[in-house]
PDB file of N, CA and C in Angstrom:
ATOM      1  N   MET A   1       0.682  -1.374  -0.458  1.00  0.00           N
ATOM      2  CA  MET A   1      -0.338   0.042  -0.114  1.00  0.00           C
ATOM      3  C   MET A   1       0.745   1.312  -0.287  1.00  0.00           C
ATOM      4  N   ASN A   2       0.844   1.822  -1.302  1.00  0.00           N
ATOM      5  CA  ASN A   2       1.318   3.317  -0.988  1.00  0.00           C
ATOM      6  C   ASN A   2       0.491   4.213  -0.494  1.00  0.00           C
ATOM      7  N   LYS A   3       0.996   6.143  -0.106  1.00  0.00           N
ATOM      8  CA  LYS A   3       0.466   7.080   0.497  1.00  0.00           C
ATOM      9  C   LYS A   3      -1.221   6.859  -0.075  1.00  0.00           C
ATOM     10  N   ALA A   4      -0.676   7.368  -1.793  1.00  0.00           N
ATOM     11  CA  ALA A   4      -2.193   7.513  -2.157  1.00  0.00           C
ATOM     12  C   ALA A   4      -3.605   6.600  -1.706  1.00  0.00           C
ATOM     13  N   GLU A   5      -3.293   5.349  -1.805  1.00  0.00           N
ATOM     14  CA  GLU A   5      -3.968   4.289  -1.662  1.00  0.00           C
ATOM     15  C   GLU A   5      -4.077   4.614  -0.264  1.00  0.00           C
ATOM     16  N   LEU A   6      -3.006   4.701   1.431  1.00  0.00           N
ATOM     17  CA  LEU A   6      -3.450   4.741   2.403  1.00  0.00           C
ATOM     18  C   LEU A   6      -4.839   5.622   2.837  1.00  0.00           C
ATOM     19  N   ILE A   7      -4.201   6.835   2.117  1.00  0.00           N
ATOM     20  CA  ILE A   7      -5.249   8.095   2.145  1.00  0.00           C
ATOM     21  C   ILE A   7      -6.562   7.761   1.663  1.00  0.00           C
ATOM     22  N   THR A   8      -6.673   6.819   0.173  1.00  0.00           N
ATOM     23  CA  THR A   8      -7.935   6.700   0.071  1.00  0.00           C
ATOM     24  C   THR A   8      -9.275   5.741   1.024  1.00  0.00           C
ATOM     25  N   ASP A   9      -8.170   4.489   1.525  1.00  0.00           N
ATOM     26  CA  ASP A   9      -8.870   3.404   2.461  1.00  0.00           C
ATOM     27  C   ASP A   9      -8.994   4.938   3.619  1.00  0.00           C
ATOM     28  N   VAL A  10      -8.166   5.301   4.277  1.00  0.00           N
ATOM     29  CA  VAL A  10      -8.718   6.351   5.712  1.00  0.00           C
ATOM     30  C   VAL A  10      -9.737   6.733   5.246  1.00  0.00           C
ATOM     31  N   ALA A  11      -9.860   7.942   3.879  1.00  0.00           N
ATOM     32  CA  ALA A  11     -11.111   8.734   3.876  1.00  0.00           C
ATOM     33  C   ALA A  11     -12.207   8.612   3.660  1.00  0.00           C
ATOM     34  N   GLU A  12     -12.406   7.110   3.071  1.00  0.00           N
ATOM     35  CA  GLU A  12     -13.182   5.878   2.841  1.00  0.00           C
ATOM     36  C   GLU A  12     -14.557   5.893   4.010  1.00  0.00           C
ATOM     37  N   ARG A  13     -13.326   4.892   5.379  1.00  0.00           N
ATOM     38  CA  ARG A  13     -13.434   4.827   6.548  1.00  0.00           C
ATOM     39  C   ARG A  13     -13.868   5.740   7.310  1.00  0.00           C
ATOM     40  N   THR A  14     -13.511   7.093   7.953  1.00  0.00           N
ATOM     41  CA  THR A  14     -13.742   7.651   8.741  1.00  0.00           C
ATOM     42  C   THR A  14     -14.836   8.783   7.384  1.00  0.00           C
ATOM     43  N   TYR A  15     -15.357   9.014   6.467  1.00  0.00           N
ATOM     44  CA  TYR A  15     -16.298   9.342   5.819  1.00  0.00           C
ATOM     45  C   TYR A  15     -15.521  11.112   5.480  1.00  0.00           C
ATOM     46  N   MET A  16     -13.814  11.438   5.493  1.00  0.00           N
ATOM     47  CA  MET A  16     -13.330  12.306   5.561  1.00  0.00           C
ATOM     48  C   MET A  16     -13.300  13.038   3.838  1.00  0.00           C
ATOM     49  N   SER A  17     -13.244  14.303   3.357  1.00  0.00           N
ATOM     50  CA  SER A  17     -12.258  13.824   1.907  1.00  0.00           C
ATOM     51  C   SER A  17     -10.412  13.734   1.696  1.00  0.00           C
ATOM     52  N   LYS A  18     -10.419  13.158   1.021  1.00  0.00           N
ATOM     53  CA  LYS A  18      -8.588  12.948   0.577  1.00  0.00           C
ATOM     54  C   LYS A  18      -8.209  13.995   0.802  1.00  0.00           C
ATOM     55  N   LYS A  19      -8.684  14.984   0.155  1.00  0.00           N
ATOM     56  CA  LYS A  19      -7.464  16.409   0.971  1.00  0.00           C
ATOM     57  C   LYS A  19      -7.587  16.590   2.333  1.00  0.00           C
ATOM     58  N   LYS A  20      -8.590  16.295   3.155  1.00  0.00           N
ATOM     59  CA  LYS A  20      -8.446  16.361   4.367  1.00  0.00           C
ATOM     60  C   LYS A  20      -7.437  15.151   4.930  1.00  0.00           C
ATOM     61  N   THR A  21      -7.495  14.051   5.164  1.00  0.00           N
ATOM     62  CA  THR A  21      -6.948  12.841   5.217  1.00  0.00           C
ATOM     63  C   THR A  21      -6.253  13.301   5.209  1.00  0.00           C
ATOM     64  N   ASP A  22      -5.387  13.560   3.189  1.00  0.00           N
ATOM     65  CA  ASP A  22      -4.101  14.290   3.501  1.00  0.00           C
ATOM     66  C   ASP A  22      -3.262  14.758   4.032  1.00  0.00           C
ATOM     67  N   LYS A  23      -3.974  15.513   4.636  1.00  0.00           N
ATOM     68  CA  LYS A  23      -3.250  16.382   5.462  1.00  0.00           C
ATOM     69  C   LYS A  23      -2.955  16.322   6.743  1.00  0.00           C
ATOM     70  N   VAL A  24      -4.723  15.864   7.124  1.00  0.00           N
ATOM     71  CA  VAL A  24      -3.742  14.860   8.742  1.00  0.00           C
ATOM     72  C   VAL A  24      -2.965  13.925   8.719  1.00  0.00           C
ATOM     73  N   LEU A  25      -2.582  13.451   7.093  1.00  0.00           N
ATOM     74  CA  LEU A  25      -1.561  12.481   7.512  1.00  0.00           C
ATOM     75  C   LEU A  25      -0.457  12.298   7.535  1.00  0.00           C
ATOM     76  N   THR A  26      -0.301  13.832   6.606  1.00  0.00           N
ATOM     77  CA  THR A  26       1.275  14.883   6.213  1.00  0.00           C
ATOM     78  C   THR A  26       1.607  15.492   7.733  1.00  0.00           C
ATOM     79  N   VAL A  27       0.569  16.278   8.826  1.00  0.00           N
ATOM     80  CA  VAL A  27       0.458  16.616   9.922  1.00  0.00           C
ATOM     81  C   VAL A  27       1.793  15.343  10.567  1.00  0.00           C
ATOM     82  N   MET A  28       0.642  14.233  11.033  1.00  0.00           N
ATOM     83  CA  MET A  28       1.475  13.362  11.661  1.00  0.00           C
ATOM     84  C   MET A  28       2.603  12.937  11.585  1.00  0.00           C
ATOM     85  N   LEU A  29       3.301  12.086  10.312  1.00  0.00           N
ATOM     86  CA  LEU A  29       4.484  11.931   9.583  1.00  0.00           C
ATOM     87  C   LEU A  29       5.127  13.458  10.468  1.00  0.00           C
ATOM     88  N   ALA A  30       4.849  14.521   9.686  1.00  0.00           N
ATOM     89  CA  ALA A  30       5.765  15.539  10.402  1.00  0.00           C
ATOM     90  C   ALA A  30       6.002  15.516  11.594  1.00  0.00           C
ATOM     91  N   THR A  31       5.032  15.608  12.402  1.00  0.00           N
ATOM     92  CA  THR A  31       4.903  15.121  14.003  1.00  0.00           C
ATOM     93  C   THR A  31       6.064  14.090  14.657  1.00  0.00           C
ATOM     94  N   ILE A  32       6.192  13.180  14.023  1.00  0.00           N
ATOM     95  CA  ILE A  32       6.636  11.700  13.946  1.00  0.00           C
ATOM     96  C   ILE A  32       8.011  12.093  14.096  1.00  0.00           C
ATOM     97  N   THR A  33       8.421  12.504  12.905  1.00  0.00           N
ATOM     98  CA  THR A  33       9.184  12.793  12.387  1.00  0.00           C
ATOM     99  C   THR A  33       9.986  14.206  13.075  1.00  0.00           C
ATOM    100  N   GLN A  34       9.076  14.991  13.263  1.00  0.00           N
ATOM    101  CA  GLN A  34      10.219  16.410  14.435  1.00  0.00           C
ATOM    102  C   GLN A  34      10.234  14.896  15.816  1.00  0.00           C
ATOM    103  N   ALA A  35       9.232  14.789  16.382  1.00  0.00           N
ATOM    104  CA  ALA A  35       9.732  14.059  17.527  1.00  0.00           C
ATOM    105  C   ALA A  35      11.163  12.905  17.607  1.00  0.00           C
ATOM    106  N   LEU A  36      11.329  12.116  16.628  1.00  0.00           N
ATOM    107  CA  LEU A  36      12.450  11.309  16.391  1.00  0.00           C
ATOM    108  C   LEU A  36      13.435  12.484  16.225  1.00  0.00           C
ATOM    109  N   ALA A  37      13.391  13.312  15.535  1.00  0.00           N
ATOM    110  CA  ALA A  37      14.635  14.021  15.576  1.00  0.00           C
ATOM    111  C   ALA A  37      15.196  15.243  16.817  1.00  0.00           C
ATOM    112  N   GLU A  38      13.858  15.573  17.622  1.00  0.00           N
ATOM    113  CA  GLU A  38      14.046  15.784  19.222  1.00  0.00           C
ATOM    114  C   GLU A  38      14.631  14.660  20.184  1.00  0.00           C
ATOM    115  N   GLY A  39      15.106  13.602  19.887  1.00  0.00           N
ATOM    116  CA  GLY A  39      15.541  12.222  20.770  1.00  0.00           C
ATOM    117  C   GLY A  39      14.827  11.693  21.929  1.00  0.00           C
ATOM    118  N   LYS A  40      12.994  12.248  20.605  1.00  0.00           N
ATOM    119  CA  LYS A  40      12.184  11.386  21.601  1.00  0.00           C
ATOM    120  C   LYS A  40      11.588  10.188  21.321  1.00  0.00           C
ATOM    121  N   LYS A  41      10.990   9.804  22.154  1.00  0.00           N
ATOM    122  CA  LYS A  41       9.897   8.302  21.239  1.00  0.00           C
ATOM    123  C   LYS A  41       8.658   8.077  21.209  1.00  0.00           C
ATOM    124  N   VAL A  42       8.425   8.168  20.045  1.00  0.00           N
ATOM    125  CA  VAL A  42       6.510   7.862  20.014  1.00  0.00           C
ATOM    126  C   VAL A  42       6.309   6.289  20.034  1.00  0.00           C
ATOM    127  N   LYS A  43       5.003   6.337  21.252  1.00  0.00           N
ATOM    128  CA  LYS A  43       4.549   5.397  21.414  1.00  0.00           C
ATOM    129  C   LYS A  43       3.468   4.941  20.863  1.00  0.00           C
ATOM    130  N   LEU A  44       2.440   4.225  19.746  1.00  0.00           N
ATOM    131  CA  LEU A  44       1.472   4.363  19.818  1.00  0.00           C
ATOM    132  C   LEU A  44       1.140   2.722  19.877  1.00  0.00           C
ATOM    133  N   LYS A  45      -0.301   2.687  21.118  1.00  0.00           N
ATOM    134  CA  LYS A  45      -0.324   1.160  21.633  1.00  0.00           C
ATOM    135  C   LYS A  45      -0.838   0.321  20.329  1.00  0.00           C
ATOM    136  N   GLU A  46      -1.344   0.622  19.779  1.00  0.00           N
ATOM    137  CA  GLU A  46      -1.837  -0.216  18.915  1.00  0.00           C
ATOM    138  C   GLU A  46      -0.905  -0.954  17.491  1.00  0.00           C
ATOM    139  N   LEU A  47       0.051   0.139  17.604  1.00  0.00           N
ATOM    140  CA  LEU A  47       0.726  -0.009  16.654  1.00  0.00           C
ATOM    141  C   LEU A  47       2.272  -0.393  17.203  1.00  0.00           C
ATOM    142  N   GLY A  48       2.857   0.599  17.500  1.00  0.00           N
ATOM    143  CA  GLY A  48       4.196   0.107  18.085  1.00  0.00           C
ATOM    144  C   GLY A  48       5.104   1.200  18.273  1.00  0.00           C
ATOM    145  N   THR A  49       6.304   1.164  18.640  1.00  0.00           N
ATOM    146  CA  THR A  49       6.886   2.482  18.883  1.00  0.00           C
ATOM    147  C   THR A  49       8.267   2.804  17.775  1.00  0.00           C
ATOM    148  N   PHE A  50       8.012   4.262  17.904  1.00  0.00           N
ATOM    149  CA  PHE A  50       9.932   4.688  16.669  1.00  0.00           C
ATOM    150  C   PHE A  50      10.149   5.420  17.725  1.00  0.00           C
ATOM    151  N   GLU A  51      12.148   4.426  17.255  1.00  0.00           N
ATOM    152  CA  GLU A  51      12.281   5.322  18.273  1.00  0.00           C
ATOM    153  C   GLU A  51      14.228   6.064  17.334  1.00  0.00           C
ATOM    154  N   VAL A  52      14.666   6.305  17.594  1.00  0.00           N
ATOM    155  CA  VAL A  52      16.369   6.736  17.081  1.00  0.00           C
ATOM    156  C   VAL A  52      17.260   5.754  18.101  1.00  0.00           C
ATOM    157  N   LYS A  53      17.908   5.105  17.598  1.00  0.00           N
ATOM    158  CA  LYS A  53      19.192   4.121  17.697  1.00  0.00           C
ATOM    159  C   LYS A  53      20.374   4.612  16.970  1.00  0.00           C
ATOM    160  N   GLU A  54      21.599   4.866  18.636  1.00  0.00           N
ATOM    161  CA  GLU A  54      22.730   5.473  17.916  1.00  0.00           C
ATOM    162  C   GLU A  54      23.846   4.121  17.276  1.00  0.00           C
ATOM    163  N   ARG A  55      24.118   4.455  15.896  1.00  0.00           N
ATOM    164  CA  ARG A  55      25.245   3.112  15.475  1.00  0.00           C
ATOM    165  C   ARG A  55      26.586   3.448  15.647  1.00  0.00           C
ATOM    166  N   SER A  56      27.091   2.436  16.458  1.00  0.00           N
ATOM    167  CA  SER A  56      28.677   3.459  16.289  1.00  0.00           C
ATOM    168  C   SER A  56      29.528   3.166  15.085  1.00  0.00           C
ATOM    169  N   GLU A  57      30.971   3.844  15.217  1.00  0.00           N
ATOM    170  CA  GLU A  57      31.653   3.886  14.004  1.00  0.00           C
ATOM    171  C   GLU A  57      31.548   2.341  13.628  1.00  0.00           C
ATOM    172  N   LYS A  58      32.396   2.063  12.227  1.00  0.00           N
ATOM    173  CA  LYS A  58      32.726   0.424  11.847  1.00  0.00           C
ATOM    174  C   LYS A  58      33.215   0.518  10.549  1.00  0.00           C
ATOM    175  N   THR A  59      34.631  -0.179  10.954  1.00  0.00           N
ATOM    176  CA  THR A  59      35.640  -0.367   9.798  1.00  0.00           C
ATOM    177  C   THR A  59      34.981  -1.613   9.185  1.00  0.00           C
ATOM    178  N   VAL A  60      34.662  -1.610   7.563  1.00  0.00           N
ATOM    179  CA  VAL A  60      34.578  -2.143   6.710  1.00  0.00           C
ATOM    180  C   VAL A  60      35.288  -2.406   5.407  1.00  0.00           C
ATOM    181  N   TYR A  61      35.358  -3.003   4.511  1.00  0.00           N
ATOM    182  CA  TYR A  61      35.646  -3.495   3.534  1.00  0.00           C
ATOM    183  C   TYR A  61      35.222  -4.019   2.487  1.00  0.00           C
ATOM    184  N   ASN A  62      35.780  -2.722   1.236  1.00  0.00           N
ATOM    185  CA  ASN A  62      35.349  -2.372  -0.075  1.00  0.00           C
ATOM    186  C   ASN A  62      35.265  -3.620  -0.426  1.00  0.00           C
ATOM    187  N   PRO A  63      34.006  -4.403  -1.011  1.00  0.00           N
ATOM    188  CA  PRO A  63      34.324  -5.990  -1.889  1.00  0.00           C
ATOM    189  C   PRO A  63      34.698  -5.912  -2.914  1.00  0.00           C
ATOM    190  N   GLN A  64      35.478  -4.470  -3.825  1.00  0.00           N
ATOM    191  CA  GLN A  64      35.343  -4.472  -5.409  1.00  0.00           C
ATOM    192  C   GLN A  64      36.710  -4.695  -5.294  1.00  0.00           C
ATOM    193  N   ASN A  65      37.417  -4.090  -3.986  1.00  0.00           N
ATOM    194  CA  ASN A  65      39.277  -3.915  -4.355  1.00  0.00           C
ATOM    195  C   ASN A  65      40.068  -3.685  -2.901  1.00  0.00           C
ATOM    196  N   GLY A  66      38.885  -4.868  -1.859  1.00  0.00           N
ATOM    197  CA  GLY A  66      39.304  -5.105  -0.913  1.00  0.00           C
ATOM    198  C   GLY A  66      39.712  -3.813   0.343  1.00  0.00           C
ATOM    199  N   GLU A  67      39.675  -2.851   0.387  1.00  0.00           N
ATOM    200  CA  GLU A  67      40.209  -1.451   0.727  1.00  0.00           C
ATOM    201  C   GLU A  67      39.497  -0.852   2.378  1.00  0.00           C
ATOM    202  N   LYS A  68      40.370  -0.643   3.434  1.00  0.00           N
ATOM    203  CA  LYS A  68      39.443  -0.692   4.259  1.00  0.00           C
ATOM    204  C   LYS A  68      38.632   0.650   4.139  1.00  0.00           C
ATOM    205  N   MET A  69      37.172   0.806   4.721  1.00  0.00           N
ATOM    206  CA  MET A  69      36.558   1.988   4.610  1.00  0.00           C
ATOM    207  C   MET A  69      36.197   2.192   6.739  1.00  0.00           C
ATOM    208  N   ILE A  70      36.085   3.422   7.016  1.00  0.00           N
ATOM    209  CA  ILE A  70      35.315   3.596   7.752  1.00  0.00           C
ATOM    210  C   ILE A  70      33.986   4.553   7.679  1.00  0.00           C
ATOM    211  N   LEU A  71      33.199   3.975   8.499  1.00  0.00           N
ATOM    212  CA  LEU A  71      31.582   3.953   8.271  1.00  0.00           C
ATOM    213  C   LEU A  71      31.182   4.904   9.418  1.00  0.00           C
ATOM    214  N   PRO A  72      31.376   6.482   9.564  1.00  0.00           N
ATOM    215  CA  PRO A  72      31.356   7.325  10.887  1.00  0.00           C
ATOM    216  C   PRO A  72      29.970   6.977  11.866  1.00  0.00           C
ATOM    217  N   ALA A  73      29.721   6.497  12.446  1.00  0.00           N
ATOM    218  CA  ALA A  73      28.195   7.061  13.763  1.00  0.00           C
ATOM    219  C   ALA A  73      27.331   7.971  12.873  1.00  0.00           C
ATOM    220  N   LYS A  74      26.114   7.183  13.285  1.00  0.00           N
ATOM    221  CA  LYS A  74      25.104   7.550  12.910  1.00  0.00           C
ATOM    222  C   LYS A  74      24.144   7.352  13.875  1.00  0.00           C
ATOM    223  N   LYS A  75      23.372   7.949  13.569  1.00  0.00           N
ATOM    224  CA  LYS A  75      21.420   7.645  14.077  1.00  0.00           C
ATOM    225  C   LYS A  75      20.641   7.410  13.096  1.00  0.00           C
ATOM    226  N   ALA A  76      19.991   6.221  13.735  1.00  0.00           N
ATOM    227  CA  ALA A  76      19.036   5.796  12.600  1.00  0.00           C
ATOM    228  C   ALA A  76      17.451   5.229  13.067  1.00  0.00           C
ATOM    229  N   PRO A  77      16.726   5.545  12.711  1.00  0.00           N
ATOM    230  CA  PRO A  77      15.236   5.105  12.624  1.00  0.00           C
ATOM    231  C   PRO A  77      14.968   3.588  13.019  1.00  0.00           C
ATOM    232  N   PHE A  78      14.613   3.062  13.655  1.00  0.00           N
ATOM    233  CA  PHE A  78      14.149   2.177  14.652  1.00  0.00           C
ATOM    234  C   PHE A  78      13.010   1.900  14.820  1.00  0.00           C
ATOM    235  N   PHE A  79      12.063   0.978  14.619  1.00  0.00           N
ATOM    236  CA  PHE A  79      10.618   0.403  14.721  1.00  0.00           C
ATOM    237  C   PHE A  79      10.405  -0.828  15.231  1.00  0.00           C
ATOM    238  N   LYS A  80       9.880  -0.644  16.293  1.00  0.00           N
ATOM    239  CA  LYS A  80       9.276  -2.059  17.650  1.00  0.00           C
ATOM    240  C   LYS A  80       7.973  -1.906  17.272  1.00  0.00           C
ATOM    241  N   ALA A  81       7.064  -3.418  16.821  1.00  0.00           N
ATOM    242  CA  ALA A  81       6.131  -3.585  16.710  1.00  0.00           C
ATOM    243  C   ALA A  81       5.422  -3.903  17.519  1.00  0.00           C
ATOM    244  N   GLY A  82       4.044  -3.376  18.270  1.00  0.00           N
ATOM    245  CA  GLY A  82       3.447  -3.575  19.669  1.00  0.00           C
ATOM    246  C   GLY A  82       2.453  -4.771  19.107  1.00  0.00           C
ATOM    247  N   ARG A  83       2.412  -5.242  20.547  1.00  0.00           N
ATOM    248  CA  ARG A  83       1.598  -6.522  20.866  1.00  0.00           C
ATOM    249  C   ARG A  83       0.339  -6.269  20.206  1.00  0.00           C
ATOM    250  N   ILE A  84      -0.066  -5.169  20.425  1.00  0.00           N
ATOM    251  CA  ILE A  84      -1.799  -5.219  19.321  1.00  0.00           C
ATOM    252  C   ILE A  84      -1.354  -5.887  17.449  1.00  0.00           C
ATOM    253  N   LEU A  85      -0.120  -5.117  16.901  1.00  0.00           N
ATOM    254  CA  LEU A  85      -0.171  -5.487  15.509  1.00  0.00           C
ATOM    255  C   LEU A  85      -0.011  -6.871  15.549  1.00  0.00           C
ATOM    256  N   LYS A  86       1.093  -7.056  16.627  1.00  0.00           N
ATOM    257  CA  LYS A  86       1.648  -8.709  16.292  1.00  0.00           C
ATOM    258  C   LYS A  86       0.358  -9.634  16.264  1.00  0.00           C
ATOM    259  N   GLU A  87      -0.421  -8.940  17.006  1.00  0.00           N
ATOM    260  CA  GLU A  87      -1.355 -10.377  17.280  1.00  0.00           C
ATOM    261  C   GLU A  87      -2.711 -10.096  15.983  1.00  0.00           C
ATOM    262  N   GLU A  88      -2.859  -9.018  15.473  1.00  0.00           N
ATOM    263  CA  GLU A  88      -3.701  -8.193  14.688  1.00  0.00           C
ATOM    264  C   GLU A  88      -2.828  -9.296  12.919  1.00  0.00           C
ATOM    265  N   ILE A  89      -1.834  -9.178  13.096  1.00  0.00           N
ATOM    266  CA  ILE A  89      -0.834  -9.814  12.485  1.00  0.00           C
ATOM    267  C   ILE A  89      -0.919 -11.827  11.683  1.00  0.00           C
ATOM    268  N   ASN A  90      -1.116 -12.247  13.220  1.00  0.00           N
ATOM    269  CA  ASN A  90      -0.751 -13.696  13.155  1.00  0.00           C
ATOM    270  C   ASN A  90      -1.961 -14.740  13.524  1.00  0.00           C
ATOM    271  N   LYS A  91      -3.535 -13.501  13.225  1.00  0.00           N
ATOM    272  CA  LYS A  91      -5.121 -14.090  13.686  1.00  0.00           C
ATOM    273  C   LYS A  91      -4.913 -14.723  12.339  1.00  0.00           C
TER     274      LYS A  91
END
């Protein structure tokens, strides 16, 4: 399912216009993104938890020429599915 399909499905279920549904979804995603950028966790009981994890610097090898490369430390988004989502998927 892509964003357009999600908007259509939510709009039909909520009897909202696609335009309003798109705006709500866009604001919701921006709010989650901003919270993660600020180092906060976002917990949605029915869905799961969004958070940011630190990845340490590591040394890797280029498979084409065998040279060592250092990948710098970085932050990466992480999602852990909640119990309710897992139960719904496994019905």
